[in-house]
Amino acid sequence: MTLLETDRRTLDLEDIVESAAPALEDAPTPEVIRWAVATFGDRICLTSSMSDAALIHLVSKVKPGIDVLFVDTGYHFAETIGTRDAVEAVYPVNVINVTPSRTVEEQEAALGPRLFGRNPDLCCHLRKVEPLGRALEGYLAWFSGIRRDETANRRDRRVVEWDRRRGMVKVNPILDWSQEDMDQYIEDNGVLVNPLHYDGYPSIGCAPCTRPVPPGEDPRSGRWVGLGKTECGIHL
């Protein structure tokens, strides 16, 4: 693809966002998913942290066989890896395991041990943001499972938005769902859930940086405890 073709594609995608975003902002989740699949076909994928399979269940009903990108940081809980494997076995999707350019051992040899504690932003960039960016390069759009009620940074997001950093369209079909909406959908549809949720982990990241949360506290308070960090960087 020439530079001119790349620029033209970018402009076309931005036009799609500009025209579709207002109409879809208050649309039901299934309608948003159907629009995205009809618009982007095989050039849209889904990303999942394997906290649960709600978005996977929703999207796979519209587009069986969709690529599901899972970033395997090398620091995940065994339960998260088990959930990934269960999703691959249960749902009609193509799970793609995305890995960083360095193994944990190689990263520690180059940058020292426990980078996640000394420089969590860099660790997240190397083990999450950069690998996902590479994996998304072959697509025009991606489904994300972010919700407005999760962090302050996500409150002003849109259901369909331009991902300027990656030059592609980002679709957030469950952006306005509450935790109660999520729990109800999971119960009604028998959706797979990471078992750590039942052990006091309402928000699940890498094992070294995730702690259980007492009932009634902010669900995200168990992430990057004491590090002044609320986002890994993927959704910034």
C-alpha atoms as a PDB file:
ATOM      1  CA  MET A   1       0.000   0.000   0.000  1.00  0.00           C
ATOM      2  CA  THR A   2       1.395   3.386  -1.016  1.00  0.00           C
ATOM      3  CA  LEU A   3       1.533   6.374   1.327  1.00  0.00           C
ATOM      4  CA  LEU A   4      -1.244   8.028  -0.698  1.00  0.00           C
ATOM      5  CA  GLU A   5      -3.437   4.955  -0.328  1.00  0.00           C
ATOM      6  CA  THR A   6      -2.720   4.857   3.411  1.00  0.00           C
ATOM      7  CA  ASP A   7      -3.721   8.528   3.799  1.00  0.00           C
ATOM      8  CA  ARG A   8      -6.886   7.987   1.748  1.00  0.00           C
ATOM      9  CA  ARG A   9      -7.852   4.974   3.863  1.00  0.00           C
ATOM     10  CA  THR A  10      -7.326   6.995   7.046  1.00  0.00           C
ATOM     11  CA  LEU A  11      -9.513   9.799   5.735  1.00  0.00           C
ATOM     12  CA  ASP A  12     -12.217   7.320   4.724  1.00  0.00           C
ATOM     13  CA  LEU A  13     -12.189   5.700   8.162  1.00  0.00           C
ATOM     14  CA  GLU A  14     -12.381   9.040   9.915  1.00  0.00           C
ATOM     15  CA  ASP A  15     -15.358   9.931   7.715  1.00  0.00           C
ATOM     16  CA  ILE A  16     -17.049   6.693   8.747  1.00  0.00           C
ATOM     17  CA  VAL A  17     -16.602   7.570  12.417  1.00  0.00           C
ATOM     18  CA  GLU A  18     -17.818  11.118  11.894  1.00  0.00           C
ATOM     19  CA  SER A  19     -21.011   9.996  10.176  1.00  0.00           C
ATOM     20  CA  ALA A  20     -21.808   6.902  12.248  1.00  0.00           C
ATOM     21  CA  ALA A  21     -20.827   7.927  15.781  1.00  0.00           C
ATOM     22  CA  PRO A  22     -23.741  10.295  16.528  1.00  0.00           C
ATOM     23  CA  ALA A  23     -26.357   7.839  15.281  1.00  0.00           C
ATOM     24  CA  LEU A  24     -24.912   4.929  17.237  1.00  0.00           C
ATOM     25  CA  GLU A  25     -24.140   6.720  20.495  1.00  0.00           C
ATOM     26  CA  ASP A  26     -27.451   5.654  22.084  1.00  0.00           C
ATOM     27  CA  ALA A  27     -28.077   2.567  19.952  1.00  0.00           C
ATOM     28  CA  PRO A  28     -28.632  -0.854  21.559  1.00  0.00           C
ATOM     29  CA  THR A  29     -25.496  -2.956  21.858  1.00  0.00           C
ATOM     30  CA  PRO A  30     -26.548  -5.575  19.246  1.00  0.00           C
ATOM     31  CA  GLU A  31     -27.218  -2.794  16.714  1.00  0.00           C
ATOM     32  CA  VAL A  32     -23.739  -1.344  17.264  1.00  0.00           C
ATOM     33  CA  ILE A  33     -22.176  -4.753  16.760  1.00  0.00           C
ATOM     34  CA  ARG A  34     -24.193  -5.462  13.609  1.00  0.00           C
ATOM     35  CA  TRP A  35     -23.197  -2.092  12.145  1.00  0.00           C
ATOM     36  CA  ALA A  36     -19.517  -2.690  12.845  1.00  0.00           C
ATOM     37  CA  VAL A  37     -19.532  -6.191  11.357  1.00  0.00           C
ATOM     38  CA  ALA A  38     -21.443  -5.027   8.259  1.00  0.00           C
ATOM     39  CA  THR A  39     -19.045  -2.104   7.810  1.00  0.00           C
ATOM     40  CA  PHE A  40     -15.701  -3.789   8.404  1.00  0.00           C
ATOM     41  CA  GLY A  41     -16.317  -7.496   7.735  1.00  0.00           C
ATOM     42  CA  ASP A  42     -13.171  -9.550   8.262  1.00  0.00           C
ATOM     43  CA  ARG A  43     -11.122  -6.412   8.973  1.00  0.00           C
ATOM     44  CA  ILE A  44     -12.501  -6.041  12.498  1.00  0.00           C
ATOM     45  CA  CYS A  45     -11.303  -7.971  15.540  1.00  0.00           C
ATOM     46  CA  LEU A  46     -12.073  -8.133  19.230  1.00  0.00           C
ATOM     47  CA  THR A  47      -9.689  -7.709  22.148  1.00  0.00           C
ATOM     48  CA  SER A  48     -10.198  -9.410  25.489  1.00  0.00           C
ATOM     49  CA  SER A  49      -8.384  -9.532  28.814  1.00  0.00           C
ATOM     50  CA  MET A  50     -10.271 -12.756  29.609  1.00  0.00           C
ATOM     51  CA  SER A  51     -11.900 -11.260  32.677  1.00  0.00           C
ATOM     52  CA  ASP A  52     -15.142 -12.623  31.262  1.00  0.00           C
ATOM     53  CA  ALA A  53     -16.516 -13.610  27.868  1.00  0.00           C
ATOM     54  CA  ALA A  54     -19.539 -11.300  27.723  1.00  0.00           C
ATOM     55  CA  LEU A  55     -18.344  -9.258  24.739  1.00  0.00           C
ATOM     56  CA  ILE A  56     -17.054 -12.401  23.050  1.00  0.00           C
ATOM     57  CA  HIS A  57     -20.495 -13.993  23.451  1.00  0.00           C
ATOM     58  CA  LEU A  58     -22.229 -10.869  22.097  1.00  0.00           C
ATOM     59  CA  VAL A  59     -19.989 -10.419  19.062  1.00  0.00           C
ATOM     60  CA  SER A  60     -19.660 -14.098  18.127  1.00  0.00           C
ATOM     61  CA  LYS A  61     -23.447 -14.332  17.770  1.00  0.00           C
ATOM     62  CA  VAL A  62     -23.195 -11.764  14.973  1.00  0.00           C
ATOM     63  CA  LYS A  63     -19.822 -12.787  13.529  1.00  0.00           C
ATOM     64  CA  PRO A  64     -18.815 -16.376  14.300  1.00  0.00           C
ATOM     65  CA  GLY A  65     -15.111 -16.961  13.757  1.00  0.00           C
ATOM     66  CA  ILE A  66     -14.050 -13.425  14.635  1.00  0.00           C
ATOM     67  CA  ASP A  67     -10.441 -12.987  15.709  1.00  0.00           C
ATOM     68  CA  VAL A  68     -10.094 -12.464  19.467  1.00  0.00           C
ATOM     69  CA  LEU A  69      -6.756 -10.918  20.452  1.00  0.00           C
ATOM     70  CA  PHE A  70      -5.461 -11.807  23.900  1.00  0.00           C
ATOM     71  CA  VAL A  71      -2.243 -10.167  25.073  1.00  0.00           C
ATOM     72  CA  ASP A  72      -0.289 -12.802  26.982  1.00  0.00           C
ATOM     73  CA  THR A  73       2.027 -10.632  29.057  1.00  0.00           C
ATOM     74  CA  GLY A  74       3.838 -13.518  30.711  1.00  0.00           C
ATOM     75  CA  TYR A  75       2.563 -12.291  34.074  1.00  0.00           C
ATOM     76  CA  HIS A  76      -1.030 -13.498  33.965  1.00  0.00           C
ATOM     77  CA  PHE A  77      -2.741 -15.520  36.663  1.00  0.00           C
ATOM     78  CA  ALA A  78      -3.159 -19.205  35.827  1.00  0.00           C
ATOM     79  CA  GLU A  79      -6.915 -18.618  36.019  1.00  0.00           C
ATOM     80  CA  THR A  80      -6.709 -16.034  33.248  1.00  0.00           C
ATOM     81  CA  ILE A  81      -4.823 -18.406  30.977  1.00  0.00           C
ATOM     82  CA  GLY A  82      -7.392 -21.079  31.815  1.00  0.00           C
ATOM     83  CA  THR A  83     -10.210 -18.712  30.879  1.00  0.00           C
ATOM     84  CA  ARG A  84      -8.517 -18.003  27.553  1.00  0.00           C
ATOM     85  CA  ASP A  85      -8.309 -21.718  26.833  1.00  0.00           C
ATOM     86  CA  ALA A  86     -11.946 -22.245  27.856  1.00  0.00           C
ATOM     87  CA  VAL A  87     -13.092 -19.395  25.600  1.00  0.00           C
ATOM     88  CA  GLU A  88     -11.255 -20.967  22.675  1.00  0.00           C
ATOM     89  CA  ALA A  89     -12.961 -24.291  23.350  1.00  0.00           C
ATOM     90  CA  VAL A  90     -16.489 -23.001  24.003  1.00  0.00           C
ATOM     91  CA  TYR A  91     -17.126 -20.068  21.652  1.00  0.00           C
ATOM     92  CA  PRO A  92     -17.008 -19.926  17.838  1.00  0.00           C
ATOM     93  CA  VAL A  93     -14.054 -17.531  17.745  1.00  0.00           C
ATOM     94  CA  ASN A  94     -10.426 -17.561  16.660  1.00  0.00           C
ATOM     95  CA  VAL A  95      -8.315 -16.765  19.716  1.00  0.00           C
ATOM     96  CA  ILE A  96      -4.968 -15.201  18.812  1.00  0.00           C
ATOM     97  CA  ASN A  97      -2.342 -15.192  21.552  1.00  0.00           C
ATOM     98  CA  VAL A  98      -0.352 -11.959  21.290  1.00  0.00           C
ATOM     99  CA  THR A  99       3.043 -11.897  22.982  1.00  0.00           C
ATOM    100  CA  PRO A 100       5.608  -9.145  23.700  1.00  0.00           C
ATOM    101  CA  SER A 101       8.815  -8.972  21.684  1.00  0.00           C
ATOM    102  CA  ARG A 102      10.768 -10.140  24.761  1.00  0.00           C
ATOM    103  CA  THR A 103      10.003 -12.905  27.217  1.00  0.00           C
ATOM    104  CA  VAL A 104       9.852 -11.974  30.888  1.00  0.00           C
ATOM    105  CA  GLU A 105      13.338 -13.435  31.340  1.00  0.00           C
ATOM    106  CA  GLU A 106      14.737 -11.445  28.415  1.00  0.00           C
ATOM    107  CA  GLN A 107      13.148  -8.254  29.690  1.00  0.00           C
ATOM    108  CA  GLU A 108      14.607  -8.775  33.162  1.00  0.00           C
ATOM    109  CA  ALA A 109      18.049  -9.460  31.714  1.00  0.00           C
ATOM    110  CA  ALA A 110      17.898  -6.203  29.746  1.00  0.00           C
ATOM    111  CA  LEU A 111      16.052  -3.912  32.175  1.00  0.00           C
ATOM    112  CA  GLY A 112      16.432  -5.555  35.565  1.00  0.00           C
ATOM    113  CA  PRO A 113      13.990  -7.549  37.687  1.00  0.00           C
ATOM    114  CA  ARG A 114      10.521  -6.426  38.750  1.00  0.00           C
ATOM    115  CA  LEU A 115      10.148  -3.645  36.202  1.00  0.00           C
ATOM    116  CA  PHE A 116       6.429  -3.691  37.009  1.00  0.00           C
ATOM    117  CA  GLY A 117       7.226  -2.317  40.462  1.00  0.00           C
ATOM    118  CA  ARG A 118       9.912   0.188  39.462  1.00  0.00           C
ATOM    119  CA  ASN A 119       8.389   1.559  36.267  1.00  0.00           C
ATOM    120  CA  PRO A 120       4.883   0.154  35.762  1.00  0.00           C
ATOM    121  CA  ASP A 121       4.124   2.461  32.828  1.00  0.00           C
ATOM    122  CA  LEU A 122       7.106   1.133  30.890  1.00  0.00           C
ATOM    123  CA  CYS A 123       6.289  -2.455  31.807  1.00  0.00           C
ATOM    124  CA  CYS A 124       2.696  -2.067  30.622  1.00  0.00           C
ATOM    125  CA  HIS A 125       3.890  -0.417  27.429  1.00  0.00           C
ATOM    126  CA  LEU A 126       6.336  -3.200  26.637  1.00  0.00           C
ATOM    127  CA  ARG A 127       4.102  -6.090  27.610  1.00  0.00           C
ATOM    128  CA  LYS A 128       0.631  -4.809  26.654  1.00  0.00           C
ATOM    129  CA  VAL A 129       0.462  -1.631  24.592  1.00  0.00           C
ATOM    130  CA  GLU A 130       3.216  -2.307  22.066  1.00  0.00           C
ATOM    131  CA  PRO A 131       2.315  -5.970  21.380  1.00  0.00           C
ATOM    132  CA  LEU A 132      -1.360  -5.129  20.901  1.00  0.00           C
ATOM    133  CA  GLY A 133      -0.462  -2.266  18.587  1.00  0.00           C
ATOM    134  CA  ARG A 134       1.472  -4.659  16.377  1.00  0.00           C
ATOM    135  CA  ALA A 135      -1.337  -7.224  16.403  1.00  0.00           C
ATOM    136  CA  LEU A 136      -3.946  -4.636  15.400  1.00  0.00           C
ATOM    137  CA  GLU A 137      -2.041  -3.488  12.330  1.00  0.00           C
ATOM    138  CA  GLY A 138      -3.863  -5.863   9.977  1.00  0.00           C
ATOM    139  CA  TYR A 139      -7.339  -4.577  10.887  1.00  0.00           C
ATOM    140  CA  LEU A 140      -9.401  -1.485  10.151  1.00  0.00           C
ATOM    141  CA  ALA A 141     -11.369  -1.582  13.409  1.00  0.00           C
ATOM    142  CA  TRP A 142     -11.492  -3.288  16.783  1.00  0.00           C
ATOM    143  CA  PHE A 143     -14.107  -4.076  19.417  1.00  0.00           C
ATOM    144  CA  SER A 144     -13.212  -3.083  22.981  1.00  0.00           C
ATOM    145  CA  GLY A 145     -15.057  -4.002  26.171  1.00  0.00           C
ATOM    146  CA  ILE A 146     -14.384  -0.791  28.095  1.00  0.00           C
ATOM    147  CA  ARG A 147     -17.188   0.781  30.154  1.00  0.00           C
ATOM    148  CA  ARG A 148     -17.683   4.363  31.288  1.00  0.00           C
ATOM    149  CA  ASP A 149     -18.206   3.324  34.910  1.00  0.00           C
ATOM    150  CA  GLU A 150     -14.745   1.743  35.214  1.00  0.00           C
ATOM    151  CA  THR A 151     -12.428   4.785  35.369  1.00  0.00           C
ATOM    152  CA  ALA A 152     -12.664   8.559  35.084  1.00  0.00           C
ATOM    153  CA  ASN A 153     -10.606   8.398  31.886  1.00  0.00           C
ATOM    154  CA  ARG A 154     -13.347   6.385  30.175  1.00  0.00           C
ATOM    155  CA  ARG A 155     -16.323   8.602  30.986  1.00  0.00           C
ATOM    156  CA  ASP A 156     -15.965  10.779  27.898  1.00  0.00           C
ATOM    157  CA  ARG A 157     -15.403   7.952  25.426  1.00  0.00           C
ATOM    158  CA  ARG A 158     -17.782   7.310  22.530  1.00  0.00           C
ATOM    159  CA  VAL A 159     -19.401   4.120  21.323  1.00  0.00           C
ATOM    160  CA  VAL A 160     -17.724   4.571  17.929  1.00  0.00           C
ATOM    161  CA  GLU A 161     -14.532   6.620  17.946  1.00  0.00           C
ATOM    162  CA  TRP A 162     -11.358   7.307  16.002  1.00  0.00           C
ATOM    163  CA  ASP A 163      -8.318   5.602  17.501  1.00  0.00           C
ATOM    164  CA  ARG A 164      -5.850   8.241  16.416  1.00  0.00           C
ATOM    165  CA  ARG A 165      -2.771   6.524  17.818  1.00  0.00           C
ATOM    166  CA  ARG A 166      -3.404   3.386  15.769  1.00  0.00           C
ATOM    167  CA  GLY A 167      -5.128   4.963  12.773  1.00  0.00           C
ATOM    168  CA  MET A 168      -8.221   2.784  13.015  1.00  0.00           C
ATOM    169  CA  VAL A 169     -11.801   2.708  14.280  1.00  0.00           C
ATOM    170  CA  LYS A 170     -12.534   1.659  17.846  1.00  0.00           C
ATOM    171  CA  VAL A 171     -15.976   0.295  18.713  1.00  0.00           C
ATOM    172  CA  ASN A 172     -17.094   0.133  22.356  1.00  0.00           C
ATOM    173  CA  PRO A 173     -20.470  -1.673  22.290  1.00  0.00           C
ATOM    174  CA  ILE A 174     -20.930  -2.024  26.066  1.00  0.00           C
ATOM    175  CA  LEU A 175     -19.642   1.425  26.980  1.00  0.00           C
ATOM    176  CA  ASP A 176     -22.792   2.383  28.895  1.00  0.00           C
ATOM    177  CA  TRP A 177     -23.314  -0.943  30.648  1.00  0.00           C
ATOM    178  CA  SER A 178     -23.214  -0.936  34.435  1.00  0.00           C
ATOM    179  CA  GLN A 179     -21.745  -3.734  36.509  1.00  0.00           C
ATOM    180  CA  GLU A 180     -25.331  -4.810  37.194  1.00  0.00           C
ATOM    181  CA  ASP A 181     -25.990  -4.994  33.431  1.00  0.00           C
ATOM    182  CA  MET A 182     -22.873  -7.101  33.008  1.00  0.00           C
ATOM    183  CA  ASP A 183     -23.724  -9.446  35.865  1.00  0.00           C
ATOM    184  CA  GLN A 184     -27.263  -9.915  34.544  1.00  0.00           C
ATOM    185  CA  TYR A 185     -26.082 -10.678  31.012  1.00  0.00           C
ATOM    186  CA  ILE A 186     -23.560 -13.187  32.306  1.00  0.00           C
ATOM    187  CA  GLU A 187     -26.190 -14.913  34.443  1.00  0.00           C
ATOM    188  CA  ASP A 188     -28.869 -14.935  31.728  1.00  0.00           C
ATOM    189  CA  ASN A 189     -26.536 -16.369  29.088  1.00  0.00           C
ATOM    190  CA  GLY A 190     -24.266 -18.636  31.114  1.00  0.00           C
ATOM    191  CA  VAL A 191     -21.225 -16.651  30.010  1.00  0.00           C
ATOM    192  CA  LEU A 192     -17.769 -17.850  31.014  1.00  0.00           C
ATOM    193  CA  VAL A 193     -16.204 -15.801  33.802  1.00  0.00           C
ATOM    194  CA  ASN A 194     -12.643 -15.777  35.105  1.00  0.00           C
ATOM    195  CA  PRO A 195     -12.896 -17.658  38.440  1.00  0.00           C
ATOM    196  CA  LEU A 196     -10.809 -14.976  40.161  1.00  0.00           C
ATOM    197  CA  HIS A 197     -13.958 -12.847  40.235  1.00  0.00           C
ATOM    198  CA  TYR A 198     -15.358 -15.229  42.831  1.00  0.00           C
ATOM    199  CA  ASP A 199     -12.195 -14.853  44.927  1.00  0.00           C
ATOM    200  CA  GLY A 200     -12.491 -11.101  45.377  1.00  0.00           C
ATOM    201  CA  TYR A 201     -10.860  -9.841  42.174  1.00  0.00           C
ATOM    202  CA  PRO A 202     -13.437  -7.613  40.430  1.00  0.00           C
ATOM    203  CA  SER A 203     -10.808  -6.202  38.056  1.00  0.00           C
ATOM    204  CA  ILE A 204      -8.115  -8.569  36.815  1.00  0.00           C
ATOM    205  CA  GLY A 205      -4.746  -7.644  35.365  1.00  0.00           C
ATOM    206  CA  CYS A 206      -1.276  -9.144  35.694  1.00  0.00           C
ATOM    207  CA  ALA A 207      -0.664 -11.184  38.847  1.00  0.00           C
ATOM    208  CA  PRO A 208       2.151  -9.027  40.329  1.00  0.00           C
ATOM    209  CA  CYS A 209       0.043  -5.849  40.040  1.00  0.00           C
ATOM    210  CA  THR A 210      -3.429  -7.083  41.024  1.00  0.00           C
ATOM    211  CA  ARG A 211      -4.842  -7.575  44.517  1.00  0.00           C
ATOM    212  CA  PRO A 212      -8.245  -8.674  45.819  1.00  0.00           C
ATOM    213  CA  VAL A 213     -10.679  -5.912  46.774  1.00  0.00           C
ATOM    214  CA  PRO A 214     -12.858  -5.909  49.910  1.00  0.00           C
ATOM    215  CA  PRO A 215     -16.614  -5.815  49.215  1.00  0.00           C
ATOM    216  CA  GLY A 216     -17.956  -2.316  48.686  1.00  0.00           C
ATOM    217  CA  GLU A 217     -14.674  -0.742  47.601  1.00  0.00           C
ATOM    218  CA  ASP A 218     -13.821   0.599  44.143  1.00  0.00           C
ATOM    219  CA  PRO A 219     -13.484  -2.468  41.875  1.00  0.00           C
ATOM    220  CA  ARG A 220     -10.375  -0.976  40.252  1.00  0.00           C
ATOM    221  CA  SER A 221      -8.631  -0.279  43.562  1.00  0.00           C
ATOM    222  CA  GLY A 222      -6.886  -3.644  43.399  1.00  0.00           C
ATOM    223  CA  ARG A 223      -4.949  -2.653  40.274  1.00  0.00           C
ATOM    224  CA  TRP A 224      -1.414  -1.179  40.610  1.00  0.00           C
ATOM    225  CA  VAL A 225      -1.861  -0.678  44.351  1.00  0.00           C
ATOM    226  CA  GLY A 226       0.303   2.157  45.669  1.00  0.00           C
ATOM    227  CA  LEU A 227       1.682   3.009  42.226  1.00  0.00           C
ATOM    228  CA  GLY A 228      -0.608   5.928  41.351  1.00  0.00           C
ATOM    229  CA  LYS A 229      -1.739   4.205  38.178  1.00  0.00           C
ATOM    230  CA  THR A 230      -5.249   3.410  36.906  1.00  0.00           C
ATOM    231  CA  GLU A 231      -4.733   2.489  33.234  1.00  0.00           C
ATOM    232  CA  CYS A 232      -2.301   0.191  31.466  1.00  0.00           C
ATOM    233  CA  GLY A 233      -2.162   2.547  28.472  1.00  0.00           C
ATOM    234  CA  ILE A 234      -4.103   0.556  25.878  1.00  0.00           C
ATOM    235  CA  HIS A 235      -7.169   2.777  26.173  1.00  0.00           C
ATOM    236  CA  LEU A 236      -5.474   6.149  26.683  1.00  0.00           C
END
